[in-house]
Amino acid sequence: MNDPNQALQSLLQPAQLKSSLFPPTSRYAGIDTKLLETAEGRVVIYLQRRFLPSPDNFSLLHEHVVTQGDRLDNITARYLGDPEQFWRVCDPNGAMRPQELTETIGRRLRITLPEGIPGIPDA
């Protein structure tokens, strides 16, 4: 077994743990990989498709009203502390294209807890 990823998987398998190619803060964390063999016999490894979660799975923390010049990375840094977590603003707002969130002045963006973490009403 020369492949270090295979060695890691074999160690984790008895405990039913999965290694991930992505850090836990990535939108791709936990997404499985698949193999595709081409007609030429080449094997291509790819990520399974990531579907947008339902906006109902998120607990609202705050609403941001889009103003002229707003950028999603700046909005994300302001509320979540990390501009690279922009996808955590996209998901609860049902956005497949991040830029659509700031195209309309006056649009209300939901800033939420991570998916599945319940909030406390009127906290």
PDB file of N, CA and C in Angstrom:
ATOM      1  N   MET A   1       0.854  -1.177   0.000  1.00  0.00           N
ATOM      2  CA  MET A   1       0.000   0.000   0.000  1.00  0.00           C
ATOM      3  C   MET A   1       0.895   1.234   0.000  1.00  0.00           C
ATOM      4  N   ASN A   2       1.179   1.767  -1.173  1.00  0.00           N
ATOM      5  CA  ASN A   2       2.065   2.919  -1.311  1.00  0.00           C
ATOM      6  C   ASN A   2       1.342   4.251  -1.264  1.00  0.00           C
ATOM      7  N   ASP A   3       0.046   4.247  -1.485  1.00  0.00           N
ATOM      8  CA  ASP A   3      -0.730   5.484  -1.516  1.00  0.00           C
ATOM      9  C   ASP A   3      -1.052   5.918  -0.089  1.00  0.00           C
ATOM     10  N   PRO A   4      -0.562   7.095   0.367  1.00  0.00           N
ATOM     11  CA  PRO A   4      -0.836   7.533   1.739  1.00  0.00           C
ATOM     12  C   PRO A   4      -2.321   7.746   2.010  1.00  0.00           C
ATOM     13  N   ASN A   5      -3.099   8.157   0.997  1.00  0.00           N
ATOM     14  CA  ASN A   5      -4.539   8.331   1.205  1.00  0.00           C
ATOM     15  C   ASN A   5      -5.219   6.999   1.462  1.00  0.00           C
ATOM     16  N   GLN A   6      -4.800   5.961   0.752  1.00  0.00           N
ATOM     17  CA  GLN A   6      -5.366   4.628   0.981  1.00  0.00           C
ATOM     18  C   GLN A   6      -5.003   4.140   2.372  1.00  0.00           C
ATOM     19  N   ALA A   7      -3.768   4.387   2.794  1.00  0.00           N
ATOM     20  CA  ALA A   7      -3.336   3.973   4.127  1.00  0.00           C
ATOM     21  C   ALA A   7      -4.178   4.662   5.193  1.00  0.00           C
ATOM     22  N   LEU A   8      -4.427   5.952   5.024  1.00  0.00           N
ATOM     23  CA  LEU A   8      -5.247   6.695   5.976  1.00  0.00           C
ATOM     24  C   LEU A   8      -6.669   6.156   6.000  1.00  0.00           C
ATOM     25  N   GLN A   9      -7.246   5.926   4.835  1.00  0.00           N
ATOM     26  CA  GLN A   9      -8.607   5.381   4.769  1.00  0.00           C
ATOM     27  C   GLN A   9      -8.694   4.034   5.478  1.00  0.00           C
ATOM     28  N   SER A  10      -7.686   3.173   5.294  1.00  0.00           N
ATOM     29  CA  SER A  10      -7.735   1.854   5.928  1.00  0.00           C
ATOM     30  C   SER A  10      -7.640   1.970   7.441  1.00  0.00           C
ATOM     31  N   LEU A  11      -6.936   2.984   7.945  1.00  0.00           N
ATOM     32  CA  LEU A  11      -6.880   3.205   9.391  1.00  0.00           C
ATOM     33  C   LEU A  11      -8.204   3.741   9.927  1.00  0.00           C
ATOM     34  N   LEU A  12      -8.847   4.600   9.160  1.00  0.00           N
ATOM     35  CA  LEU A  12     -10.091   5.220   9.604  1.00  0.00           C
ATOM     36  C   LEU A  12     -11.304   4.319   9.422  1.00  0.00           C
ATOM     37  N   GLN A  13     -11.237   3.381   8.507  1.00  0.00           N
ATOM     38  CA  GLN A  13     -12.387   2.548   8.150  1.00  0.00           C
ATOM     39  C   GLN A  13     -13.021   1.821   9.335  1.00  0.00           C
ATOM     40  N   PRO A  14     -12.239   1.152  10.216  1.00  0.00           N
ATOM     41  CA  PRO A  14     -12.893   0.440  11.321  1.00  0.00           C
ATOM     42  C   PRO A  14     -13.751   1.344  12.204  1.00  0.00           C
ATOM     43  N   ALA A  15     -13.380   2.605  12.340  1.00  0.00           N
ATOM     44  CA  ALA A  15     -14.145   3.543  13.170  1.00  0.00           C
ATOM     45  C   ALA A  15     -15.223   4.263  12.368  1.00  0.00           C
ATOM     46  N   GLN A  16     -15.387   3.904  11.087  1.00  0.00           N
ATOM     47  CA  GLN A  16     -16.356   4.538  10.194  1.00  0.00           C
ATOM     48  C   GLN A  16     -16.110   6.035  10.045  1.00  0.00           C
ATOM     49  N   LEU A  17     -14.847   6.448  10.130  1.00  0.00           N
ATOM     50  CA  LEU A  17     -14.482   7.840   9.922  1.00  0.00           C
ATOM     51  C   LEU A  17     -14.032   8.020   8.487  1.00  0.00           C
ATOM     52  N   LYS A  18     -14.221   9.214   7.957  1.00  0.00           N
ATOM     53  CA  LYS A  18     -13.816   9.489   6.585  1.00  0.00           C
ATOM     54  C   LYS A  18     -12.786  10.605   6.581  1.00  0.00           C
ATOM     55  N   SER A  19     -11.766  10.421   5.771  1.00  0.00           N
ATOM     56  CA  SER A  19     -10.832  11.525   5.580  1.00  0.00           C
ATOM     57  C   SER A  19     -11.459  12.458   4.541  1.00  0.00           C
ATOM     58  N   SER A  20     -11.010  13.683   4.529  1.00  0.00           N
ATOM     59  CA  SER A  20     -11.555  14.641   3.574  1.00  0.00           C
ATOM     60  C   SER A  20     -10.411  15.366   2.894  1.00  0.00           C
ATOM     61  N   LEU A  21     -10.603  15.674   1.634  1.00  0.00           N
ATOM     62  CA  LEU A  21      -9.610  16.450   0.899  1.00  0.00           C
ATOM     63  C   LEU A  21      -9.689  17.926   1.271  1.00  0.00           C
ATOM     64  N   PHE A  22     -10.753  18.314   1.962  1.00  0.00           N
ATOM     65  CA  PHE A  22     -11.012  19.719   2.243  1.00  0.00           C
ATOM     66  C   PHE A  22     -11.124  19.954   3.741  1.00  0.00           C
ATOM     67  N   PRO A  23     -10.733  21.145   4.215  1.00  0.00           N
ATOM     68  CA  PRO A  23     -10.857  21.447   5.641  1.00  0.00           C
ATOM     69  C   PRO A  23     -12.328  21.537   6.048  1.00  0.00           C
ATOM     70  N   PRO A  24     -12.617  21.407   7.341  1.00  0.00           N
ATOM     71  CA  PRO A  24     -14.017  21.440   7.803  1.00  0.00           C
ATOM     72  C   PRO A  24     -14.744  22.736   7.474  1.00  0.00           C
ATOM     73  N   THR A  25     -14.021  23.816   7.237  1.00  0.00           N
ATOM     74  CA  THR A  25     -14.655  25.099   6.913  1.00  0.00           C
ATOM     75  C   THR A  25     -14.981  25.238   5.435  1.00  0.00           C
ATOM     76  N   SER A  26     -14.607  24.258   4.630  1.00  0.00           N
ATOM     77  CA  SER A  26     -14.864  24.316   3.190  1.00  0.00           C
ATOM     78  C   SER A  26     -16.286  23.885   2.871  1.00  0.00           C
ATOM     79  N   ARG A  27     -16.868  24.503   1.861  1.00  0.00           N
ATOM     80  CA  ARG A  27     -18.202  24.076   1.425  1.00  0.00           C
ATOM     81  C   ARG A  27     -18.170  22.664   0.859  1.00  0.00           C
ATOM     82  N   TYR A  28     -16.987  22.158   0.543  1.00  0.00           N
ATOM     83  CA  TYR A  28     -16.862  20.817  -0.023  1.00  0.00           C
ATOM     84  C   TYR A  28     -16.488  19.766   1.018  1.00  0.00           C
ATOM     85  N   ALA A  29     -16.344  20.152   2.279  1.00  0.00           N
ATOM     86  CA  ALA A  29     -16.029  19.183   3.334  1.00  0.00           C
ATOM     87  C   ALA A  29     -17.141  18.139   3.391  1.00  0.00           C
ATOM     88  N   GLY A  30     -16.754  16.883   3.433  1.00  0.00           N
ATOM     89  CA  GLY A  30     -17.732  15.804   3.527  1.00  0.00           C
ATOM     90  C   GLY A  30     -18.314  15.350   2.205  1.00  0.00           C
ATOM     91  N   ILE A  31     -17.990  16.027   1.116  1.00  0.00           N
ATOM     92  CA  ILE A  31     -18.481  15.615  -0.202  1.00  0.00           C
ATOM     93  C   ILE A  31     -17.586  14.478  -0.696  1.00  0.00           C
ATOM     94  N   ASP A  32     -18.201  13.382  -1.089  1.00  0.00           N
ATOM     95  CA  ASP A  32     -17.451  12.215  -1.543  1.00  0.00           C
ATOM     96  C   ASP A  32     -16.869  12.418  -2.932  1.00  0.00           C
ATOM     97  N   THR A  33     -15.809  11.663  -3.205  1.00  0.00           N
ATOM     98  CA  THR A  33     -15.237  11.637  -4.546  1.00  0.00           C
ATOM     99  C   THR A  33     -15.754  10.407  -5.275  1.00  0.00           C
ATOM    100  N   LYS A  34     -15.754  10.478  -6.563  1.00  0.00           N
ATOM    101  CA  LYS A  34     -16.162   9.364  -7.427  1.00  0.00           C
ATOM    102  C   LYS A  34     -15.077   9.144  -8.466  1.00  0.00           C
ATOM    103  N   LEU A  35     -15.103   7.972  -9.074  1.00  0.00           N
ATOM    104  CA  LEU A  35     -14.171   7.632 -10.145  1.00  0.00           C
ATOM    105  C   LEU A  35     -14.941   7.455 -11.435  1.00  0.00           C
ATOM    106  N   LEU A  36     -14.359   7.925 -12.515  1.00  0.00           N
ATOM    107  CA  LEU A  36     -14.940   7.753 -13.837  1.00  0.00           C
ATOM    108  C   LEU A  36     -13.843   7.236 -14.750  1.00  0.00           C
ATOM    109  N   GLU A  37     -14.110   6.128 -15.413  1.00  0.00           N
ATOM    110  CA  GLU A  37     -13.141   5.610 -16.366  1.00  0.00           C
ATOM    111  C   GLU A  37     -13.566   6.052 -17.759  1.00  0.00           C
ATOM    112  N   THR A  38     -12.664   6.743 -18.446  1.00  0.00           N
ATOM    113  CA  THR A  38     -12.966   7.241 -19.788  1.00  0.00           C
ATOM    114  C   THR A  38     -12.872   6.101 -20.796  1.00  0.00           C
ATOM    115  N   ALA A  39     -13.346   6.355 -22.000  1.00  0.00           N
ATOM    116  CA  ALA A  39     -13.292   5.350 -23.067  1.00  0.00           C
ATOM    117  C   ALA A  39     -11.854   4.935 -23.363  1.00  0.00           C
ATOM    118  N   GLU A  40     -10.912   5.844 -23.104  1.00  0.00           N
ATOM    119  CA  GLU A  40      -9.495   5.540 -23.338  1.00  0.00           C
ATOM    120  C   GLU A  40      -8.866   4.777 -22.178  1.00  0.00           C
ATOM    121  N   GLY A  41      -9.648   4.523 -21.116  1.00  0.00           N
ATOM    122  CA  GLY A  41      -9.131   3.784 -19.966  1.00  0.00           C
ATOM    123  C   GLY A  41      -8.498   4.650 -18.893  1.00  0.00           C
ATOM    124  N   ARG A  42      -8.553   5.958 -19.066  1.00  0.00           N
ATOM    125  CA  ARG A  42      -8.020   6.874 -18.056  1.00  0.00           C
ATOM    126  C   ARG A  42      -9.025   7.012 -16.918  1.00  0.00           C
ATOM    127  N   VAL A  43      -8.545   7.020 -15.682  1.00  0.00           N
ATOM    128  CA  VAL A  43      -9.424   7.170 -14.525  1.00  0.00           C
ATOM    129  C   VAL A  43      -9.396   8.628 -14.070  1.00  0.00           C
ATOM    130  N   VAL A  44     -10.578   9.209 -13.954  1.00  0.00           N
ATOM    131  CA  VAL A  44     -10.726  10.603 -13.530  1.00  0.00           C
ATOM    132  C   VAL A  44     -11.423  10.605 -12.176  1.00  0.00           C
ATOM    133  N   ILE A  45     -10.815  11.267 -11.209  1.00  0.00           N
ATOM    134  CA  ILE A  45     -11.422  11.413  -9.885  1.00  0.00           C
ATOM    135  C   ILE A  45     -12.122  12.767  -9.849  1.00  0.00           C
ATOM    136  N   TYR A  46     -13.372  12.770  -9.375  1.00  0.00           N
ATOM    137  CA  TYR A  46     -14.118  14.029  -9.317  1.00  0.00           C
ATOM    138  C   TYR A  46     -14.968  14.067  -8.055  1.00  0.00           C
ATOM    139  N   LEU A  47     -15.376  15.259  -7.685  1.00  0.00           N
ATOM    140  CA  LEU A  47     -16.260  15.435  -6.530  1.00  0.00           C
ATOM    141  C   LEU A  47     -17.700  15.240  -6.957  1.00  0.00           C
ATOM    142  N   GLN A  48     -18.463  14.595  -6.071  1.00  0.00           N
ATOM    143  CA  GLN A  48     -19.896  14.516  -6.327  1.00  0.00           C
ATOM    144  C   GLN A  48     -20.460  15.930  -6.312  1.00  0.00           C
ATOM    145  N   ARG A  49     -21.579  16.086  -6.954  1.00  0.00           N
ATOM    146  CA  ARG A  49     -22.219  17.404  -7.004  1.00  0.00           C
ATOM    147  C   ARG A  49     -22.671  17.824  -5.609  1.00  0.00           C
ATOM    148  N   ARG A  50     -22.472  19.092  -5.305  1.00  0.00           N
ATOM    149  CA  ARG A  50     -22.933  19.652  -4.036  1.00  0.00           C
ATOM    150  C   ARG A  50     -24.221  20.410  -4.312  1.00  0.00           C
ATOM    151  N   PHE A  51     -25.305  19.975  -3.689  1.00  0.00           N
ATOM    152  CA  PHE A  51     -26.588  20.645  -3.863  1.00  0.00           C
ATOM    153  C   PHE A  51     -26.736  21.725  -2.801  1.00  0.00           C
ATOM    154  N   LEU A  52     -27.370  22.819  -3.176  1.00  0.00           N
ATOM    155  CA  LEU A  52     -27.639  23.873  -2.201  1.00  0.00           C
ATOM    156  C   LEU A  52     -28.610  23.354  -1.151  1.00  0.00           C
ATOM    157  N   PRO A  53     -28.310  23.580   0.119  1.00  0.00           N
ATOM    158  CA  PRO A  53     -29.257  23.183   1.158  1.00  0.00           C
ATOM    159  C   PRO A  53     -30.473  24.111   1.154  1.00  0.00           C
ATOM    160  N   SER A  54     -31.550  23.638   1.735  1.00  0.00           N
ATOM    161  CA  SER A  54     -32.758  24.455   1.828  1.00  0.00           C
ATOM    162  C   SER A  54     -32.511  25.632   2.773  1.00  0.00           C
ATOM    163  N   PRO A  55     -32.911  26.839   2.387  1.00  0.00           N
ATOM    164  CA  PRO A  55     -32.769  27.981   3.289  1.00  0.00           C
ATOM    165  C   PRO A  55     -33.473  27.773   4.635  1.00  0.00           C
ATOM    166  N   ASP A  56     -34.453  26.874   4.675  1.00  0.00           N
ATOM    167  CA  ASP A  56     -35.156  26.588   5.930  1.00  0.00           C
ATOM    168  C   ASP A  56     -34.262  25.895   6.954  1.00  0.00           C
ATOM    169  N   ASN A  57     -33.107  25.384   6.530  1.00  0.00           N
ATOM    170  CA  ASN A  57     -32.193  24.676   7.433  1.00  0.00           C
ATOM    171  C   ASN A  57     -31.281  25.617   8.217  1.00  0.00           C
ATOM    172  N   PHE A  58     -31.495  26.925   8.082  1.00  0.00           N
ATOM    173  CA  PHE A  58     -30.605  27.905   8.694  1.00  0.00           C
ATOM    174  C   PHE A  58     -31.367  28.791   9.671  1.00  0.00           C
ATOM    175  N   SER A  59     -30.713  29.105  10.797  1.00  0.00           N
ATOM    176  CA  SER A  59     -31.297  30.008  11.795  1.00  0.00           C
ATOM    177  C   SER A  59     -30.731  31.412  11.600  1.00  0.00           C
ATOM    178  N   LEU A  60     -31.624  32.360  11.474  1.00  0.00           N
ATOM    179  CA  LEU A  60     -31.256  33.750  11.195  1.00  0.00           C
ATOM    180  C   LEU A  60     -30.548  34.395  12.386  1.00  0.00           C
ATOM    181  N   LEU A  61     -29.437  35.059  12.099  1.00  0.00           N
ATOM    182  CA  LEU A  61     -28.737  35.865  13.100  1.00  0.00           C
ATOM    183  C   LEU A  61     -28.976  37.351  12.852  1.00  0.00           C
ATOM    184  N   HIS A  62     -28.926  37.722  11.569  1.00  0.00           N
ATOM    185  CA  HIS A  62     -28.973  39.134  11.207  1.00  0.00           C
ATOM    186  C   HIS A  62     -29.390  39.255   9.749  1.00  0.00           C
ATOM    187  N   GLU A  63     -29.901  40.404   9.381  1.00  0.00           N
ATOM    188  CA  GLU A  63     -30.155  40.702   7.970  1.00  0.00           C
ATOM    189  C   GLU A  63     -29.264  41.867   7.562  1.00  0.00           C
ATOM    190  N   HIS A  64     -28.724  41.760   6.369  1.00  0.00           N
ATOM    191  CA  HIS A  64     -27.907  42.838   5.810  1.00  0.00           C
ATOM    192  C   HIS A  64     -28.639  43.378   4.590  1.00  0.00           C
ATOM    193  N   VAL A  65     -28.808  44.685   4.525  1.00  0.00           N
ATOM    194  CA  VAL A  65     -29.432  45.320   3.367  1.00  0.00           C
ATOM    195  C   VAL A  65     -28.316  45.780   2.430  1.00  0.00           C
ATOM    196  N   VAL A  66     -28.352  45.285   1.200  1.00  0.00           N
ATOM    197  CA  VAL A  66     -27.318  45.595   0.208  1.00  0.00           C
ATOM    198  C   VAL A  66     -27.373  47.072  -0.162  1.00  0.00           C
ATOM    199  N   THR A  67     -26.205  47.717  -0.138  1.00  0.00           N
ATOM    200  CA  THR A  67     -26.085  49.118  -0.542  1.00  0.00           C
ATOM    201  C   THR A  67     -25.112  49.222  -1.720  1.00  0.00           C
ATOM    202  N   GLN A  68     -25.106  50.381  -2.360  1.00  0.00           N
ATOM    203  CA  GLN A  68     -24.210  50.635  -3.495  1.00  0.00           C
ATOM    204  C   GLN A  68     -22.769  50.312  -3.101  1.00  0.00           C
ATOM    205  N   GLY A  69     -22.081  49.539  -3.916  1.00  0.00           N
ATOM    206  CA  GLY A  69     -20.674  49.224  -3.684  1.00  0.00           C
ATOM    207  C   GLY A  69     -20.421  48.042  -2.769  1.00  0.00           C
ATOM    208  N   ASP A  70     -21.474  47.439  -2.222  1.00  0.00           N
ATOM    209  CA  ASP A  70     -21.278  46.258  -1.371  1.00  0.00           C
ATOM    210  C   ASP A  70     -20.619  45.138  -2.161  1.00  0.00           C
ATOM    211  N   ARG A  71     -19.713  44.434  -1.502  1.00  0.00           N
ATOM    212  CA  ARG A  71     -19.085  43.246  -2.083  1.00  0.00           C
ATOM    213  C   ARG A  71     -19.299  42.097  -1.116  1.00  0.00           C
ATOM    214  N   LEU A  72     -19.546  40.924  -1.658  1.00  0.00           N
ATOM    215  CA  LEU A  72     -19.852  39.763  -0.822  1.00  0.00           C
ATOM    216  C   LEU A  72     -18.698  39.407   0.112  1.00  0.00           C
ATOM    217  N   ASP A  73     -17.456  39.540  -0.351  1.00  0.00           N
ATOM    218  CA  ASP A  73     -16.333  39.212   0.529  1.00  0.00           C
ATOM    219  C   ASP A  73     -16.284  40.152   1.731  1.00  0.00           C
ATOM    220  N   ASN A  74     -16.584  41.432   1.516  1.00  0.00           N
ATOM    221  CA  ASN A  74     -16.590  42.386   2.628  1.00  0.00           C
ATOM    222  C   ASN A  74     -17.757  42.139   3.580  1.00  0.00           C
ATOM    223  N   ILE A  75     -18.913  41.817   3.037  1.00  0.00           N
ATOM    224  CA  ILE A  75     -20.079  41.500   3.870  1.00  0.00           C
ATOM    225  C   ILE A  75     -19.766  40.278   4.729  1.00  0.00           C
ATOM    226  N   THR A  76     -19.191  39.266   4.106  1.00  0.00           N
ATOM    227  CA  THR A  76     -18.862  38.030   4.821  1.00  0.00           C
ATOM    228  C   THR A  76     -17.825  38.283   5.907  1.00  0.00           C
ATOM    229  N   ALA A  77     -16.806  39.055   5.603  1.00  0.00           N
ATOM    230  CA  ALA A  77     -15.790  39.373   6.609  1.00  0.00           C
ATOM    231  C   ALA A  77     -16.409  40.128   7.782  1.00  0.00           C
ATOM    232  N   ARG A  78     -17.322  41.028   7.481  1.00  0.00           N
ATOM    233  CA  ARG A  78     -17.957  41.828   8.540  1.00  0.00           C
ATOM    234  C   ARG A  78     -18.753  40.957   9.508  1.00  0.00           C
ATOM    235  N   TYR A  79     -19.552  40.041   8.979  1.00  0.00           N
ATOM    236  CA  TYR A  79     -20.452  39.262   9.831  1.00  0.00           C
ATOM    237  C   TYR A  79     -19.875  37.924  10.286  1.00  0.00           C
ATOM    238  N   LEU A  80     -19.036  37.312   9.466  1.00  0.00           N
ATOM    239  CA  LEU A  80     -18.528  35.977   9.797  1.00  0.00           C
ATOM    240  C   LEU A  80     -17.038  35.969  10.108  1.00  0.00           C
ATOM    241  N   GLY A  81     -16.364  37.094   9.861  1.00  0.00           N
ATOM    242  CA  GLY A  81     -14.959  37.196  10.218  1.00  0.00           C
ATOM    243  C   GLY A  81     -13.976  36.604   9.224  1.00  0.00           C
ATOM    244  N   ASP A  82     -14.466  36.055   8.116  1.00  0.00           N
ATOM    245  CA  ASP A  82     -13.582  35.430   7.128  1.00  0.00           C
ATOM    246  C   ASP A  82     -14.189  35.587   5.742  1.00  0.00           C
ATOM    247  N   PRO A  83     -13.576  36.386   4.873  1.00  0.00           N
ATOM    248  CA  PRO A  83     -14.157  36.617   3.550  1.00  0.00           C
ATOM    249  C   PRO A  83     -14.254  35.359   2.693  1.00  0.00           C
ATOM    250  N   GLU A  84     -13.431  34.354   2.992  1.00  0.00           N
ATOM    251  CA  GLU A  84     -13.471  33.118   2.204  1.00  0.00           C
ATOM    252  C   GLU A  84     -14.678  32.242   2.544  1.00  0.00           C
ATOM    253  N   GLN A  85     -15.421  32.622   3.558  1.00  0.00           N
ATOM    254  CA  GLN A  85     -16.628  31.879   3.937  1.00  0.00           C
ATOM    255  C   GLN A  85     -17.872  32.440   3.251  1.00  0.00           C
ATOM    256  N   PHE A  86     -17.687  33.132   2.127  1.00  0.00           N
ATOM    257  CA  PHE A  86     -18.804  33.751   1.397  1.00  0.00           C
ATOM    258  C   PHE A  86     -19.913  32.754   1.094  1.00  0.00           C
ATOM    259  N   TRP A  87     -19.573  31.499   0.919  1.00  0.00           N
ATOM    260  CA  TRP A  87     -20.570  30.471   0.609  1.00  0.00           C
ATOM    261  C   TRP A  87     -21.557  30.293   1.759  1.00  0.00           C
ATOM    262  N   ARG A  88     -21.152  30.679   2.985  1.00  0.00           N
ATOM    263  CA  ARG A  88     -22.067  30.596   4.125  1.00  0.00           C
ATOM    264  C   ARG A  88     -23.112  31.708   4.091  1.00  0.00           C
ATOM    265  N   VAL A  89     -22.932  32.695   3.222  1.00  0.00           N
ATOM    266  CA  VAL A  89     -23.968  33.699   2.972  1.00  0.00           C
ATOM    267  C   VAL A  89     -24.781  33.262   1.754  1.00  0.00           C
ATOM    268  N   CYS A  90     -24.131  32.632   0.796  1.00  0.00           N
ATOM    269  CA  CYS A  90     -24.832  32.158  -0.413  1.00  0.00           C
ATOM    270  C   CYS A  90     -25.878  31.094  -0.074  1.00  0.00           C
ATOM    271  N   ASP A  91     -25.491  30.085   0.704  1.00  0.00           N
ATOM    272  CA  ASP A  91     -26.387  28.953   0.973  1.00  0.00           C
ATOM    273  C   ASP A  91     -27.731  29.364   1.577  1.00  0.00           C
ATOM    274  N   PRO A  92     -27.764  30.117   2.685  1.00  0.00           N
ATOM    275  CA  PRO A  92     -29.075  30.454   3.263  1.00  0.00           C
ATOM    276  C   PRO A  92     -29.895  31.424   2.421  1.00  0.00           C
ATOM    277  N   ASN A  93     -29.258  32.026   1.421  1.00  0.00           N
ATOM    278  CA  ASN A  93     -29.967  32.928   0.515  1.00  0.00           C
ATOM    279  C   ASN A  93     -30.274  32.274  -0.825  1.00  0.00           C
ATOM    280  N   GLY A  94     -29.998  30.973  -0.930  1.00  0.00           N
ATOM    281  CA  GLY A  94     -30.332  30.209  -2.130  1.00  0.00           C
ATOM    282  C   GLY A  94     -29.600  30.657  -3.380  1.00  0.00           C
ATOM    283  N   ALA A  95     -28.382  31.160  -3.232  1.00  0.00           N
ATOM    284  CA  ALA A  95     -27.642  31.703  -4.375  1.00  0.00           C
ATOM    285  C   ALA A  95     -26.679  30.682  -4.971  1.00  0.00           C
ATOM    286  N   MET A  96     -26.880  30.377  -6.244  1.00  0.00           N
ATOM    287  CA  MET A  96     -25.935  29.531  -6.973  1.00  0.00           C
ATOM    288  C   MET A  96     -24.792  30.388  -7.521  1.00  0.00           C
ATOM    289  N   ARG A  97     -25.095  31.636  -7.831  1.00  0.00           N
ATOM    290  CA  ARG A  97     -24.087  32.575  -8.331  1.00  0.00           C
ATOM    291  C   ARG A  97     -23.848  33.633  -7.248  1.00  0.00           C
ATOM    292  N   PRO A  98     -22.689  33.617  -6.593  1.00  0.00           N
ATOM    293  CA  PRO A  98     -22.441  34.559  -5.496  1.00  0.00           C
ATOM    294  C   PRO A  98     -22.688  36.025  -5.863  1.00  0.00           C
ATOM    295  N   GLN A  99     -22.326  36.428  -7.081  1.00  0.00           N
ATOM    296  CA  GLN A  99     -22.461  37.839  -7.459  1.00  0.00           C
ATOM    297  C   GLN A  99     -23.913  38.311  -7.478  1.00  0.00           C
ATOM    298  N   GLU A 100     -24.866  37.382  -7.610  1.00  0.00           N
ATOM    299  CA  GLU A 100     -26.271  37.807  -7.655  1.00  0.00           C
ATOM    300  C   GLU A 100     -26.729  38.410  -6.327  1.00  0.00           C
ATOM    301  N   LEU A 101     -26.036  38.087  -5.244  1.00  0.00           N
ATOM    302  CA  LEU A 101     -26.460  38.584  -3.934  1.00  0.00           C
ATOM    303  C   LEU A 101     -26.299  40.093  -3.783  1.00  0.00           C
ATOM    304  N   THR A 102     -25.362  40.683  -4.503  1.00  0.00           N
ATOM    305  CA  THR A 102     -25.131  42.126  -4.364  1.00  0.00           C
ATOM    306  C   THR A 102     -25.538  42.926  -5.600  1.00  0.00           C
ATOM    307  N   GLU A 103     -26.212  42.299  -6.538  1.00  0.00           N
ATOM    308  CA  GLU A 103     -26.625  42.994  -7.771  1.00  0.00           C
ATOM    309  C   GLU A 103     -27.776  43.969  -7.550  1.00  0.00           C
ATOM    310  N   THR A 104     -28.638  43.683  -6.586  1.00  0.00           N
ATOM    311  CA  THR A 104     -29.829  44.505  -6.375  1.00  0.00           C
ATOM    312  C   THR A 104     -29.698  45.312  -5.088  1.00  0.00           C
ATOM    313  N   ILE A 105     -29.613  46.637  -5.233  1.00  0.00           N
ATOM    314  CA  ILE A 105     -29.554  47.522  -4.071  1.00  0.00           C
ATOM    315  C   ILE A 105     -30.853  47.362  -3.286  1.00  0.00           C
ATOM    316  N   GLY A 106     -30.740  47.233  -1.970  1.00  0.00           N
ATOM    317  CA  GLY A 106     -31.913  47.076  -1.119  1.00  0.00           C
ATOM    318  C   GLY A 106     -32.261  45.626  -0.814  1.00  0.00           C
ATOM    319  N   ARG A 107     -31.622  44.689  -1.497  1.00  0.00           N
ATOM    320  CA  ARG A 107     -31.892  43.272  -1.223  1.00  0.00           C
ATOM    321  C   ARG A 107     -31.482  42.953   0.211  1.00  0.00           C
ATOM    322  N   ARG A 108     -32.298  42.149   0.868  1.00  0.00           N
ATOM    323  CA  ARG A 108     -32.002  41.724   2.233  1.00  0.00           C
ATOM    324  C   ARG A 108     -31.318  40.367   2.185  1.00  0.00           C
ATOM    325  N   LEU A 109     -30.122  40.308   2.768  1.00  0.00           N
ATOM    326  CA  LEU A 109     -29.373  39.058   2.828  1.00  0.00           C
ATOM    327  C   LEU A 109     -29.491  38.464   4.224  1.00  0.00           C
ATOM    328  N   ARG A 110     -29.778  37.189   4.267  1.00  0.00           N
ATOM    329  CA  ARG A 110     -29.856  36.476   5.544  1.00  0.00           C
ATOM    330  C   ARG A 110     -28.446  36.088   5.980  1.00  0.00           C
ATOM    331  N   ILE A 111     -28.054  36.511   7.164  1.00  0.00           N
ATOM    332  CA  ILE A 111     -26.796  36.092   7.784  1.00  0.00           C
ATOM    333  C   ILE A 111     -27.220  35.105   8.866  1.00  0.00           C
ATOM    334  N   THR A 112     -26.721  33.877   8.772  1.00  0.00           N
ATOM    335  CA  THR A 112     -27.263  32.809   9.615  1.00  0.00           C
ATOM    336  C   THR A 112     -26.180  32.035  10.356  1.00  0.00           C
ATOM    337  N   LEU A 113     -26.657  31.192  11.256  1.00  0.00           N
ATOM    338  CA  LEU A 113     -25.797  30.177  11.863  1.00  0.00           C
ATOM    339  C   LEU A 113     -25.505  29.128  10.796  1.00  0.00           C
ATOM    340  N   PRO A 114     -24.472  28.302  10.982  1.00  0.00           N
ATOM    341  CA  PRO A 114     -24.234  27.222  10.018  1.00  0.00           C
ATOM    342  C   PRO A 114     -25.444  26.298   9.912  1.00  0.00           C
ATOM    343  N   GLU A 115     -25.567  25.647   8.788  1.00  0.00           N
ATOM    344  CA  GLU A 115     -26.705  24.764   8.516  1.00  0.00           C
ATOM    345  C   GLU A 115     -26.908  23.756   9.641  1.00  0.00           C
ATOM    346  N   GLY A 116     -28.162  23.639  10.064  1.00  0.00           N
ATOM    347  CA  GLY A 116     -28.536  22.635  11.048  1.00  0.00           C
ATOM    348  C   GLY A 116     -28.325  23.031  12.497  1.00  0.00           C
ATOM    349  N   ILE A 117     -27.689  24.163  12.753  1.00  0.00           N
ATOM    350  CA  ILE A 117     -27.490  24.602  14.133  1.00  0.00           C
ATOM    351  C   ILE A 117     -28.678  25.478  14.507  1.00  0.00           C
ATOM    352  N   PRO A 118     -29.461  25.030  15.487  1.00  0.00           N
ATOM    353  CA  PRO A 118     -30.661  25.792  15.837  1.00  0.00           C
ATOM    354  C   PRO A 118     -30.313  27.071  16.590  1.00  0.00           C
ATOM    355  N   GLY A 119     -31.078  28.082  16.330  1.00  0.00           N
ATOM    356  CA  GLY A 119     -30.920  29.336  17.048  1.00  0.00           C
ATOM    357  C   GLY A 119     -31.963  29.429  18.149  1.00  0.00           C
ATOM    358  N   ILE A 120     -31.871  30.461  18.936  1.00  0.00           N
ATOM    359  CA  ILE A 120     -32.850  30.706  19.992  1.00  0.00           C
ATOM    360  C   ILE A 120     -33.739  31.842  19.512  1.00  0.00           C
ATOM    361  N   PRO A 121     -35.053  31.590  19.386  1.00  0.00           N
ATOM    362  CA  PRO A 121     -35.952  32.638  18.895  1.00  0.00           C
ATOM    363  C   PRO A 121     -35.885  33.901  19.757  1.00  0.00           C
ATOM    364  N   ASP A 122     -35.849  35.041  19.107  1.00  0.00           N
ATOM    365  CA  ASP A 122     -35.839  36.353  19.766  1.00  0.00           C
ATOM    366  C   ASP A 122     -34.685  36.524  20.747  1.00  0.00           C
ATOM    367  N   ALA A 123     -33.547  35.904  20.457  1.00  0.00           N
ATOM    368  CA  ALA A 123     -32.395  36.012  21.372  1.00  0.00           C
ATOM    369  C   ALA A 123     -31.728  37.359  21.236  1.00  0.00           C
TER     370      ALA A 123
END
